[in-house]
N, C-alpha and C. Protein backbone atom coordinates (compact mmCIF):
# COMPACT_ATOMS: atom_id res chain seq x y z
N MET A 1 0.85 -1.20 0.00
CA MET A 1 0.00 0.00 0.00
C MET A 1 0.88 1.24 0.00
N GLU A 2 0.54 2.19 -0.84
CA GLU A 2 1.34 3.41 -0.97
C GLU A 2 0.71 4.52 -0.13
N TYR A 3 1.44 5.00 0.87
CA TYR A 3 0.93 6.06 1.75
C TYR A 3 1.20 7.43 1.14
N SER A 4 0.36 8.38 1.48
CA SER A 4 0.49 9.75 0.95
C SER A 4 1.81 10.36 1.35
N THR A 5 2.29 10.00 2.55
CA THR A 5 3.55 10.57 3.05
C THR A 5 4.76 10.11 2.25
N HIS A 6 4.61 8.98 1.53
CA HIS A 6 5.72 8.44 0.74
C HIS A 6 5.67 8.91 -0.72
N ARG A 7 4.60 9.60 -1.08
CA ARG A 7 4.45 10.05 -2.46
C ARG A 7 5.10 11.40 -2.68
N ASN A 8 5.34 11.69 -3.95
CA ASN A 8 5.89 13.00 -4.29
C ASN A 8 4.85 14.09 -4.00
N LYS A 9 5.33 15.24 -3.65
CA LYS A 9 4.43 16.35 -3.33
C LYS A 9 3.70 16.81 -4.60
N LEU A 10 2.41 17.04 -4.47
CA LEU A 10 1.62 17.55 -5.59
C LEU A 10 1.91 19.03 -5.78
N ILE A 11 2.39 19.38 -6.95
CA ILE A 11 2.73 20.78 -7.22
C ILE A 11 1.47 21.62 -7.41
N LEU A 12 0.52 21.07 -8.17
CA LEU A 12 -0.78 21.72 -8.35
C LEU A 12 -1.87 20.74 -7.92
N PRO A 13 -2.23 20.73 -6.64
CA PRO A 13 -3.19 19.75 -6.10
C PRO A 13 -4.54 19.72 -6.81
N GLU A 14 -4.93 20.86 -7.42
CA GLU A 14 -6.24 20.90 -8.06
C GLU A 14 -6.38 19.93 -9.23
N TYR A 15 -5.24 19.47 -9.78
CA TYR A 15 -5.29 18.53 -10.91
C TYR A 15 -5.19 17.08 -10.45
N GLY A 16 -4.89 16.86 -9.20
CA GLY A 16 -4.85 15.50 -8.68
C GLY A 16 -3.56 14.76 -8.97
N ARG A 17 -3.43 13.58 -8.34
CA ARG A 17 -2.19 12.81 -8.45
C ARG A 17 -2.05 12.11 -9.80
N ASN A 18 -3.17 11.74 -10.42
CA ASN A 18 -3.07 11.04 -11.71
C ASN A 18 -2.44 11.93 -12.79
N ILE A 19 -2.86 13.20 -12.83
CA ILE A 19 -2.27 14.13 -13.80
C ILE A 19 -0.79 14.33 -13.49
N GLN A 20 -0.46 14.43 -12.20
CA GLN A 20 0.94 14.59 -11.80
C GLN A 20 1.79 13.41 -12.27
N LYS A 21 1.22 12.20 -12.13
CA LYS A 21 1.94 11.00 -12.58
C LYS A 21 2.11 10.98 -14.09
N MET A 22 1.08 11.44 -14.82
CA MET A 22 1.18 11.53 -16.28
C MET A 22 2.32 12.45 -16.69
N VAL A 23 2.41 13.58 -15.99
CA VAL A 23 3.46 14.55 -16.31
C VAL A 23 4.83 13.95 -16.03
N GLU A 24 4.97 13.28 -14.89
CA GLU A 24 6.25 12.66 -14.52
C GLU A 24 6.64 11.58 -15.53
N HIS A 25 5.64 10.83 -16.01
CA HIS A 25 5.91 9.79 -17.03
C HIS A 25 6.35 10.42 -18.35
N THR A 26 5.68 11.52 -18.72
CA THR A 26 5.99 12.20 -19.98
C THR A 26 7.41 12.75 -19.98
N VAL A 27 7.85 13.23 -18.84
CA VAL A 27 9.22 13.75 -18.71
C VAL A 27 10.24 12.68 -19.09
N LYS A 28 9.93 11.43 -18.77
CA LYS A 28 10.87 10.32 -19.00
C LYS A 28 10.81 9.74 -20.41
N ILE A 29 9.83 10.14 -21.20
CA ILE A 29 9.73 9.62 -22.58
C ILE A 29 10.90 10.16 -23.41
N LYS A 30 11.66 9.29 -24.00
CA LYS A 30 12.86 9.68 -24.75
C LYS A 30 12.54 10.18 -26.15
N ASP A 31 11.54 9.56 -26.77
CA ASP A 31 11.20 9.95 -28.14
C ASP A 31 10.51 11.31 -28.13
N GLU A 32 11.06 12.27 -28.86
CA GLU A 32 10.56 13.65 -28.86
C GLU A 32 9.13 13.74 -29.37
N VAL A 33 8.82 13.01 -30.46
CA VAL A 33 7.48 13.05 -31.05
C VAL A 33 6.45 12.51 -30.06
N GLU A 34 6.76 11.38 -29.44
CA GLU A 34 5.85 10.77 -28.48
C GLU A 34 5.69 11.65 -27.24
N ARG A 35 6.78 12.29 -26.85
CA ARG A 35 6.74 13.16 -25.67
C ARG A 35 5.83 14.37 -25.92
N ASN A 36 5.94 14.96 -27.10
CA ASN A 36 5.08 16.10 -27.45
C ASN A 36 3.62 15.68 -27.57
N LYS A 37 3.42 14.48 -28.11
CA LYS A 37 2.06 13.95 -28.26
C LYS A 37 1.43 13.74 -26.89
N ALA A 38 2.20 13.18 -25.96
CA ALA A 38 1.71 12.93 -24.61
C ALA A 38 1.41 14.25 -23.89
N ALA A 39 2.25 15.25 -24.12
CA ALA A 39 2.05 16.57 -23.49
C ALA A 39 0.73 17.20 -23.95
N LYS A 40 0.44 17.06 -25.25
CA LYS A 40 -0.81 17.62 -25.78
C LYS A 40 -2.03 16.90 -25.21
N GLU A 41 -1.89 15.59 -25.00
CA GLU A 41 -3.00 14.83 -24.41
C GLU A 41 -3.26 15.29 -22.97
N ILE A 42 -2.17 15.55 -22.24
CA ILE A 42 -2.31 16.02 -20.86
C ILE A 42 -2.98 17.39 -20.84
N ILE A 43 -2.58 18.27 -21.76
CA ILE A 43 -3.18 19.61 -21.85
C ILE A 43 -4.68 19.51 -22.12
N ALA A 44 -5.07 18.56 -22.99
CA ALA A 44 -6.49 18.37 -23.32
C ALA A 44 -7.27 17.93 -22.09
N ILE A 45 -6.69 17.01 -21.32
CA ILE A 45 -7.35 16.51 -20.10
C ILE A 45 -7.48 17.64 -19.08
N MET A 46 -6.41 18.41 -18.92
CA MET A 46 -6.44 19.54 -17.98
C MET A 46 -7.51 20.55 -18.37
N GLY A 47 -7.64 20.77 -19.68
CA GLY A 47 -8.65 21.70 -20.17
C GLY A 47 -10.06 21.22 -19.90
N ASN A 48 -10.27 19.89 -20.05
CA ASN A 48 -11.60 19.31 -19.80
C ASN A 48 -11.99 19.36 -18.33
N MET A 49 -10.99 19.45 -17.47
CA MET A 49 -11.25 19.54 -16.03
C MET A 49 -11.74 20.93 -15.63
N ASN A 50 -11.50 21.91 -16.51
CA ASN A 50 -11.92 23.29 -16.23
C ASN A 50 -12.66 23.88 -17.43
N PRO A 51 -13.79 23.29 -17.81
CA PRO A 51 -14.51 23.78 -19.00
C PRO A 51 -15.02 25.21 -18.85
N HIS A 52 -15.26 25.65 -17.61
CA HIS A 52 -15.78 27.00 -17.37
C HIS A 52 -14.74 28.09 -17.63
N LEU A 53 -13.48 27.67 -17.80
CA LEU A 53 -12.41 28.66 -18.02
C LEU A 53 -12.00 28.77 -19.49
N ARG A 54 -12.66 28.02 -20.34
CA ARG A 54 -12.24 27.97 -21.74
C ARG A 54 -12.35 29.31 -22.45
N ASP A 55 -13.31 30.13 -22.03
CA ASP A 55 -13.53 31.42 -22.69
C ASP A 55 -12.59 32.52 -22.18
N ILE A 56 -11.81 32.21 -21.16
CA ILE A 56 -10.88 33.21 -20.60
C ILE A 56 -9.69 33.36 -21.53
N ASN A 57 -9.27 34.60 -21.70
CA ASN A 57 -8.12 34.87 -22.56
C ASN A 57 -6.87 34.15 -22.04
N ASP A 58 -6.09 33.63 -22.96
CA ASP A 58 -4.82 32.95 -22.64
C ASP A 58 -5.02 31.71 -21.75
N PHE A 59 -6.20 31.08 -21.83
CA PHE A 59 -6.44 29.89 -21.01
C PHE A 59 -5.46 28.77 -21.40
N LYS A 60 -5.30 28.56 -22.72
CA LYS A 60 -4.38 27.51 -23.18
C LYS A 60 -2.94 27.82 -22.76
N HIS A 61 -2.60 29.11 -22.83
CA HIS A 61 -1.26 29.52 -22.42
C HIS A 61 -1.02 29.16 -20.95
N LYS A 62 -2.03 29.38 -20.14
CA LYS A 62 -1.93 29.07 -18.71
C LYS A 62 -1.74 27.58 -18.49
N LEU A 63 -2.44 26.75 -19.28
CA LEU A 63 -2.32 25.30 -19.15
C LEU A 63 -0.90 24.82 -19.46
N TRP A 64 -0.31 25.37 -20.51
CA TRP A 64 1.05 24.98 -20.87
C TRP A 64 2.05 25.41 -19.79
N ASP A 65 1.82 26.57 -19.21
CA ASP A 65 2.69 27.03 -18.11
C ASP A 65 2.55 26.11 -16.90
N GLN A 66 1.32 25.67 -16.64
CA GLN A 66 1.08 24.78 -15.51
C GLN A 66 1.73 23.41 -15.74
N LEU A 67 1.72 22.97 -16.99
CA LEU A 67 2.39 21.70 -17.33
C LEU A 67 3.88 21.79 -17.04
N MET A 68 4.48 22.90 -17.42
CA MET A 68 5.90 23.11 -17.13
C MET A 68 6.15 23.13 -15.63
N LEU A 69 5.25 23.76 -14.91
CA LEU A 69 5.39 23.87 -13.46
C LEU A 69 5.31 22.50 -12.80
N MET A 70 4.36 21.66 -13.24
CA MET A 70 4.20 20.33 -12.66
C MET A 70 5.38 19.41 -12.97
N SER A 71 6.07 19.72 -14.04
CA SER A 71 7.24 18.91 -14.39
C SER A 71 8.51 19.45 -13.75
N ASP A 72 8.35 20.48 -12.94
CA ASP A 72 9.50 21.16 -12.32
C ASP A 72 10.43 21.69 -13.40
N PHE A 73 9.84 22.05 -14.56
CA PHE A 73 10.54 22.63 -15.71
C PHE A 73 11.57 21.65 -16.32
N LYS A 74 11.33 20.36 -16.12
CA LYS A 74 12.25 19.34 -16.66
C LYS A 74 11.78 18.77 -17.99
N ILE A 75 10.49 18.98 -18.32
CA ILE A 75 9.95 18.41 -19.55
C ILE A 75 10.43 19.20 -20.77
N LYS A 76 10.88 18.48 -21.78
CA LYS A 76 11.38 19.10 -23.02
C LYS A 76 10.32 18.92 -24.10
N ILE A 77 9.59 19.99 -24.37
CA ILE A 77 8.50 19.91 -25.34
C ILE A 77 8.51 21.13 -26.25
N ASP A 78 7.81 21.00 -27.36
CA ASP A 78 7.65 22.12 -28.30
C ASP A 78 6.38 22.88 -27.93
N SER A 79 6.49 23.73 -26.94
CA SER A 79 5.32 24.49 -26.48
C SER A 79 4.96 25.57 -27.49
N PRO A 80 3.65 25.78 -27.76
CA PRO A 80 3.23 26.83 -28.69
C PRO A 80 3.39 28.23 -28.08
N TYR A 81 3.77 28.28 -26.82
CA TYR A 81 3.96 29.56 -26.13
C TYR A 81 5.37 29.64 -25.56
N PRO A 82 5.84 30.84 -25.30
CA PRO A 82 7.19 30.99 -24.70
C PRO A 82 7.25 30.25 -23.37
N ILE A 83 8.30 29.48 -23.18
CA ILE A 83 8.46 28.71 -21.95
C ILE A 83 8.88 29.65 -20.82
N PRO A 84 8.11 29.66 -19.73
CA PRO A 84 8.43 30.58 -18.63
C PRO A 84 9.69 30.17 -17.88
N GLU A 85 10.32 31.13 -17.28
CA GLU A 85 11.51 30.86 -16.48
C GLU A 85 11.09 30.35 -15.10
N LYS A 86 11.84 29.40 -14.58
CA LYS A 86 11.55 28.83 -13.27
C LYS A 86 11.62 29.91 -12.19
N GLU A 87 12.56 30.82 -12.35
CA GLU A 87 12.76 31.88 -11.36
C GLU A 87 11.53 32.78 -11.24
N PHE A 88 10.75 32.87 -12.33
CA PHE A 88 9.56 33.73 -12.32
C PHE A 88 8.53 33.23 -11.31
N PHE A 89 8.41 31.89 -11.20
CA PHE A 89 7.45 31.31 -10.28
C PHE A 89 7.99 31.26 -8.85
N GLU A 90 9.30 31.22 -8.72
CA GLU A 90 9.90 31.14 -7.38
C GLU A 90 10.10 32.51 -6.76
N GLU A 91 9.98 33.56 -7.58
CA GLU A 91 10.20 34.91 -7.07
C GLU A 91 9.10 35.30 -6.08
N LYS A 92 9.50 35.83 -4.94
CA LYS A 92 8.54 36.23 -3.93
C LYS A 92 7.89 37.55 -4.33
N PRO A 93 6.59 37.69 -4.07
CA PRO A 93 5.91 38.93 -4.42
C PRO A 93 6.49 40.12 -3.65
N LYS A 94 6.45 41.28 -4.29
CA LYS A 94 6.97 42.47 -3.63
C LYS A 94 6.09 42.85 -2.46
N LYS A 95 6.72 43.34 -1.44
CA LYS A 95 6.01 43.73 -0.23
C LYS A 95 5.13 44.96 -0.51
N VAL A 96 3.88 44.85 -0.11
CA VAL A 96 2.95 45.96 -0.29
C VAL A 96 3.08 46.89 0.91
N GLU A 97 3.41 48.11 0.63
CA GLU A 97 3.59 49.08 1.72
C GLU A 97 2.24 49.40 2.35
N TYR A 98 2.22 49.40 3.66
CA TYR A 98 0.99 49.71 4.39
C TYR A 98 0.83 51.22 4.50
N THR A 99 -0.26 51.70 3.95
CA THR A 99 -0.49 53.15 3.97
C THR A 99 -1.32 53.52 5.19
N GLY A 100 -0.72 53.36 6.34
CA GLY A 100 -1.40 53.66 7.59
C GLY A 100 -1.50 55.15 7.82
N GLY A 101 -0.43 55.71 8.34
CA GLY A 101 -0.45 57.15 8.59
C GLY A 101 -1.32 57.50 9.79
N ASN A 102 -1.41 58.77 10.05
CA ASN A 102 -2.21 59.24 11.17
C ASN A 102 -3.63 59.57 10.74
N LEU A 103 -4.56 58.80 11.25
CA LEU A 103 -5.98 59.05 11.00
C LEU A 103 -6.63 59.37 12.34
N ARG A 104 -7.16 60.58 12.46
CA ARG A 104 -7.78 60.97 13.72
C ARG A 104 -9.04 60.14 13.99
N TYR A 105 -9.81 59.91 12.93
CA TYR A 105 -11.03 59.11 13.07
C TYR A 105 -10.98 58.04 11.99
N LYS A 106 -10.59 56.84 12.38
CA LYS A 106 -10.37 55.77 11.41
C LYS A 106 -11.63 55.40 10.63
N TYR A 107 -12.79 55.50 11.26
CA TYR A 107 -14.03 55.12 10.58
C TYR A 107 -14.38 56.06 9.43
N LEU A 108 -13.76 57.26 9.42
CA LEU A 108 -13.99 58.21 8.32
C LEU A 108 -13.10 57.91 7.12
N GLY A 109 -11.98 57.21 7.38
CA GLY A 109 -11.11 56.82 6.28
C GLY A 109 -10.22 57.93 5.76
N ARG A 110 -9.32 57.56 4.86
CA ARG A 110 -8.35 58.50 4.32
C ARG A 110 -8.95 59.42 3.25
N ILE A 111 -9.94 58.91 2.51
CA ILE A 111 -10.53 59.70 1.43
C ILE A 111 -11.19 60.97 1.96
N VAL A 112 -11.88 60.84 3.10
CA VAL A 112 -12.52 62.01 3.70
C VAL A 112 -11.49 63.08 4.03
N GLN A 113 -10.35 62.65 4.58
CA GLN A 113 -9.30 63.61 4.92
C GLN A 113 -8.77 64.30 3.66
N LYS A 114 -8.67 63.55 2.57
CA LYS A 114 -8.21 64.13 1.31
C LYS A 114 -9.24 65.13 0.76
N LEU A 115 -10.52 64.79 0.90
CA LEU A 115 -11.57 65.69 0.44
C LEU A 115 -11.58 66.99 1.25
N ILE A 116 -11.37 66.86 2.55
CA ILE A 116 -11.33 68.04 3.41
C ILE A 116 -10.16 68.94 3.03
N LYS A 117 -9.01 68.33 2.78
CA LYS A 117 -7.83 69.10 2.38
C LYS A 117 -8.09 69.82 1.05
N ALA A 118 -8.76 69.10 0.11
CA ALA A 118 -9.08 69.70 -1.19
C ALA A 118 -10.03 70.87 -1.02
N ALA A 119 -10.98 70.74 -0.09
CA ALA A 119 -11.96 71.81 0.14
C ALA A 119 -11.29 73.07 0.68
N THR A 120 -10.28 72.89 1.50
CA THR A 120 -9.60 74.06 2.08
C THR A 120 -8.85 74.86 1.02
N GLU A 121 -8.56 74.23 -0.11
CA GLU A 121 -7.78 74.89 -1.16
C GLU A 121 -8.65 75.54 -2.23
N ILE A 122 -9.97 75.38 -2.13
CA ILE A 122 -10.90 75.99 -3.10
C ILE A 122 -11.10 77.46 -2.75
N GLU A 123 -10.93 78.32 -3.73
CA GLU A 123 -11.07 79.76 -3.50
C GLU A 123 -12.51 80.23 -3.66
N ASP A 124 -13.25 79.62 -4.59
CA ASP A 124 -14.65 79.99 -4.81
C ASP A 124 -15.47 79.59 -3.59
N GLU A 125 -16.02 80.57 -2.88
CA GLU A 125 -16.74 80.33 -1.64
C GLU A 125 -18.01 79.51 -1.84
N VAL A 126 -18.69 79.73 -2.97
CA VAL A 126 -19.93 78.98 -3.24
C VAL A 126 -19.62 77.50 -3.44
N LYS A 127 -18.60 77.20 -4.26
CA LYS A 127 -18.20 75.81 -4.50
C LYS A 127 -17.66 75.17 -3.23
N LYS A 128 -16.93 75.96 -2.45
CA LYS A 128 -16.38 75.44 -1.20
C LYS A 128 -17.50 75.06 -0.24
N ALA A 129 -18.52 75.91 -0.13
CA ALA A 129 -19.65 75.64 0.77
C ALA A 129 -20.41 74.39 0.35
N GLU A 130 -20.56 74.20 -0.97
CA GLU A 130 -21.27 73.01 -1.47
C GLU A 130 -20.49 71.74 -1.18
N LEU A 131 -19.15 71.80 -1.36
CA LEU A 131 -18.31 70.64 -1.08
C LEU A 131 -18.31 70.33 0.41
N VAL A 132 -18.30 71.36 1.24
CA VAL A 132 -18.35 71.17 2.69
C VAL A 132 -19.64 70.45 3.09
N ARG A 133 -20.76 70.84 2.46
CA ARG A 133 -22.04 70.20 2.73
C ARG A 133 -22.02 68.73 2.35
N ILE A 134 -21.44 68.43 1.18
CA ILE A 134 -21.37 67.05 0.69
C ILE A 134 -20.48 66.21 1.62
N ILE A 135 -19.33 66.77 2.00
CA ILE A 135 -18.40 66.06 2.89
C ILE A 135 -19.05 65.81 4.24
N SER A 136 -19.74 66.81 4.76
CA SER A 136 -20.38 66.68 6.07
C SER A 136 -21.46 65.59 6.06
N ASN A 137 -22.25 65.55 4.99
CA ASN A 137 -23.27 64.50 4.87
C ASN A 137 -22.63 63.12 4.80
N HIS A 138 -21.52 63.03 4.08
CA HIS A 138 -20.82 61.74 3.96
C HIS A 138 -20.24 61.33 5.31
N MET A 139 -19.69 62.29 6.03
CA MET A 139 -19.15 62.01 7.36
C MET A 139 -20.25 61.53 8.30
N LYS A 140 -21.41 62.14 8.19
CA LYS A 140 -22.55 61.75 9.03
C LYS A 140 -22.98 60.32 8.72
N LYS A 141 -23.01 60.00 7.43
CA LYS A 141 -23.39 58.65 7.01
C LYS A 141 -22.40 57.62 7.55
N LEU A 142 -21.09 57.91 7.41
CA LEU A 142 -20.07 56.99 7.91
C LEU A 142 -20.16 56.82 9.42
N TYR A 143 -20.44 57.92 10.11
CA TYR A 143 -20.57 57.86 11.57
C TYR A 143 -21.74 56.96 11.95
N LEU A 144 -22.87 57.10 11.25
CA LEU A 144 -24.05 56.30 11.55
C LEU A 144 -23.82 54.81 11.27
N LEU A 145 -23.09 54.51 10.19
CA LEU A 145 -22.78 53.12 9.85
C LEU A 145 -21.86 52.50 10.88
N TRP A 146 -20.99 53.33 11.47
CA TRP A 146 -20.02 52.85 12.45
C TRP A 146 -20.61 52.78 13.85
N ASN A 147 -21.42 53.78 14.20
CA ASN A 147 -21.89 53.93 15.58
C ASN A 147 -23.32 53.45 15.80
N LYS A 148 -24.12 53.44 14.72
CA LYS A 148 -25.51 52.96 14.77
C LYS A 148 -26.41 53.81 15.67
N ASP A 149 -25.93 54.98 16.08
CA ASP A 149 -26.74 55.87 16.91
C ASP A 149 -27.11 57.12 16.14
N ILE A 150 -28.14 57.80 16.61
CA ILE A 150 -28.51 59.07 16.01
C ILE A 150 -27.42 60.09 16.37
N VAL A 151 -27.01 60.88 15.41
CA VAL A 151 -25.93 61.85 15.65
C VAL A 151 -26.42 63.25 15.30
N GLU A 152 -26.06 64.20 16.15
CA GLU A 152 -26.42 65.59 15.90
C GLU A 152 -25.45 66.20 14.90
N ASP A 153 -25.96 67.14 14.11
CA ASP A 153 -25.13 67.78 13.09
C ASP A 153 -23.93 68.50 13.71
N LYS A 154 -24.12 69.03 14.91
CA LYS A 154 -23.06 69.78 15.56
C LYS A 154 -21.82 68.92 15.76
N LEU A 155 -22.01 67.64 16.09
CA LEU A 155 -20.88 66.73 16.30
C LEU A 155 -20.08 66.58 15.01
N ILE A 156 -20.79 66.46 13.89
CA ILE A 156 -20.13 66.32 12.59
C ILE A 156 -19.38 67.60 12.25
N PHE A 157 -20.00 68.75 12.49
CA PHE A 157 -19.36 70.03 12.20
C PHE A 157 -18.10 70.22 13.05
N ASP A 158 -18.14 69.76 14.29
CA ASP A 158 -16.97 69.87 15.17
C ASP A 158 -15.81 69.02 14.65
N LYS A 159 -16.13 67.81 14.19
CA LYS A 159 -15.10 66.92 13.66
C LYS A 159 -14.53 67.49 12.36
N LEU A 160 -15.38 68.05 11.53
CA LEU A 160 -14.93 68.67 10.29
C LEU A 160 -13.99 69.83 10.58
N ASN A 161 -14.32 70.61 11.59
CA ASN A 161 -13.50 71.74 11.98
C ASN A 161 -12.12 71.28 12.45
N LYS A 162 -12.10 70.20 13.24
CA LYS A 162 -10.82 69.68 13.74
C LYS A 162 -9.98 69.10 12.61
N LEU A 163 -10.61 68.35 11.72
CA LEU A 163 -9.88 67.72 10.62
C LEU A 163 -9.32 68.75 9.63
N SER A 164 -9.98 69.90 9.53
CA SER A 164 -9.51 70.94 8.61
C SER A 164 -8.63 71.96 9.31
N ASP A 165 -8.33 71.68 10.60
CA ASP A 165 -7.52 72.61 11.41
C ASP A 165 -8.15 74.00 11.44
N GLY A 166 -9.48 74.04 11.49
CA GLY A 166 -10.19 75.30 11.60
C GLY A 166 -10.29 76.10 10.31
N LYS A 167 -9.88 75.48 9.18
CA LYS A 167 -9.88 76.22 7.91
C LYS A 167 -11.25 76.21 7.23
N LEU A 168 -12.09 75.27 7.59
CA LEU A 168 -13.42 75.20 6.97
C LEU A 168 -14.47 75.69 7.95
N THR A 169 -15.25 76.64 7.50
CA THR A 169 -16.31 77.19 8.34
C THR A 169 -17.67 76.68 7.87
N ILE A 170 -18.56 76.52 8.81
CA ILE A 170 -19.90 76.01 8.52
C ILE A 170 -20.89 77.15 8.49
N GLU A 171 -21.69 77.22 7.45
CA GLU A 171 -22.71 78.25 7.37
C GLU A 171 -23.76 78.03 8.47
N LYS A 172 -24.24 79.13 9.04
CA LYS A 172 -25.16 79.06 10.18
C LYS A 172 -26.45 78.30 9.84
N ASP A 173 -26.92 78.46 8.61
CA ASP A 173 -28.18 77.83 8.24
C ASP A 173 -28.00 76.44 7.63
N MET A 174 -26.76 75.92 7.63
CA MET A 174 -26.53 74.60 7.01
C MET A 174 -27.16 73.50 7.86
N LYS A 175 -27.90 72.65 7.19
CA LYS A 175 -28.52 71.52 7.85
C LYS A 175 -28.25 70.27 7.03
N LEU A 176 -27.81 69.23 7.71
CA LEU A 176 -27.48 68.00 7.01
C LEU A 176 -28.71 67.13 6.79
N SER A 177 -28.56 66.15 5.94
CA SER A 177 -29.68 65.24 5.63
C SER A 177 -30.09 64.46 6.88
N ASP A 178 -31.33 64.05 6.89
CA ASP A 178 -31.83 63.27 8.01
C ASP A 178 -31.12 61.92 8.09
N SER A 179 -30.86 61.47 9.30
CA SER A 179 -30.12 60.21 9.52
C SER A 179 -30.78 59.04 8.81
N ARG A 180 -32.10 58.99 8.82
CA ARG A 180 -32.83 57.88 8.20
C ARG A 180 -32.64 57.86 6.69
N ASP A 181 -32.53 59.05 6.10
CA ASP A 181 -32.34 59.12 4.65
C ASP A 181 -30.93 58.70 4.25
N LEU A 182 -29.97 59.00 5.12
CA LEU A 182 -28.57 58.70 4.80
C LEU A 182 -28.26 57.21 4.82
N ILE A 183 -28.85 56.49 5.75
CA ILE A 183 -28.53 55.06 5.86
C ILE A 183 -29.67 54.15 5.43
N GLY A 184 -30.70 54.76 4.79
CA GLY A 184 -31.77 53.96 4.21
C GLY A 184 -32.73 53.35 5.21
N MET A 185 -32.84 53.96 6.39
CA MET A 185 -33.80 53.44 7.37
C MET A 185 -35.21 53.82 6.94
N LYS A 186 -36.14 52.90 7.10
CA LYS A 186 -37.52 53.14 6.71
C LYS A 186 -38.39 53.33 7.95
N HIS A 187 -39.21 54.33 7.86
CA HIS A 187 -40.14 54.55 8.97
C HIS A 187 -41.14 53.41 9.01
N LYS A 188 -41.34 52.90 10.20
CA LYS A 188 -42.29 51.80 10.34
C LYS A 188 -43.71 52.37 10.31
N LYS A 189 -44.49 51.84 9.42
CA LYS A 189 -45.87 52.29 9.32
C LYS A 189 -46.75 51.44 10.22
N LYS A 190 -47.59 52.12 10.98
CA LYS A 190 -48.51 51.41 11.85
C LYS A 190 -49.63 50.80 11.01
N LYS A 191 -49.81 49.53 11.21
CA LYS A 191 -50.86 48.85 10.46
C LYS A 191 -52.22 49.21 11.04
N LYS A 192 -53.09 49.61 10.15
CA LYS A 192 -54.44 49.94 10.59
C LYS A 192 -55.19 48.67 10.92
N GLU A 193 -55.85 48.72 12.01
CA GLU A 193 -56.61 47.54 12.44
C GLU A 193 -57.81 47.34 11.54
N ASN A 194 -57.91 46.16 11.03
CA ASN A 194 -59.02 45.83 10.15
C ASN A 194 -60.28 45.59 11.00
N PRO A 195 -61.30 46.43 10.77
CA PRO A 195 -62.54 46.30 11.58
C PRO A 195 -63.19 44.93 11.45
N LYS A 196 -62.86 44.24 10.36
CA LYS A 196 -63.47 42.93 10.13
C LYS A 196 -63.03 41.94 11.19
N TYR A 197 -61.71 42.09 11.63
CA TYR A 197 -61.16 41.15 12.59
C TYR A 197 -61.04 41.77 13.98
N ARG A 198 -61.74 42.89 14.20
CA ARG A 198 -61.67 43.55 15.49
C ARG A 198 -62.35 42.68 16.55
N LYS A 199 -61.63 42.60 17.68
CA LYS A 199 -62.19 41.78 18.76
C LYS A 199 -63.44 42.45 19.34
N LYS A 200 -64.41 41.66 19.63
CA LYS A 200 -65.65 42.18 20.21
C LYS A 200 -65.60 42.09 21.72
């Protein structure tokens, strides 16, 4: 009995051990014509295992690359596509830099801070006031999604003032959208009692 621990490691487990064995056998075929023929048969089987991917661009190209990968790049075949370098698959992905930075209110996100900064640089007072209103409504919506409580406009205006370092002023008559409208809450309608089923 052959135990899994004694078998070769599956390079691409999604294709199973039988495909892996076919690839290993094909690597050992000495006749070039037979080896290429066997490789094409393996590609056909691999393709049939993923019929939903046939319409994807470069699907066949991907299959040939996977065949090379499963053979540990030892198979010598006439691939219809450029043979990838082994180093390309072994190369570690580049580290993605974390764009943390200082966020006074994390639930508002970085975009809000960028919008506030942009608003402070607008010279046209009418356009600036309109952008301030839009930003404030968005801040209120984010606050409601994060806190789930009713929030007064004054709290939003105070946070806007702090985030803009006092550069953005709020018009006295400015009023933000109703909390229910911002987060899609629906007023519950009282069902009228049907006199037909009224208790006597």
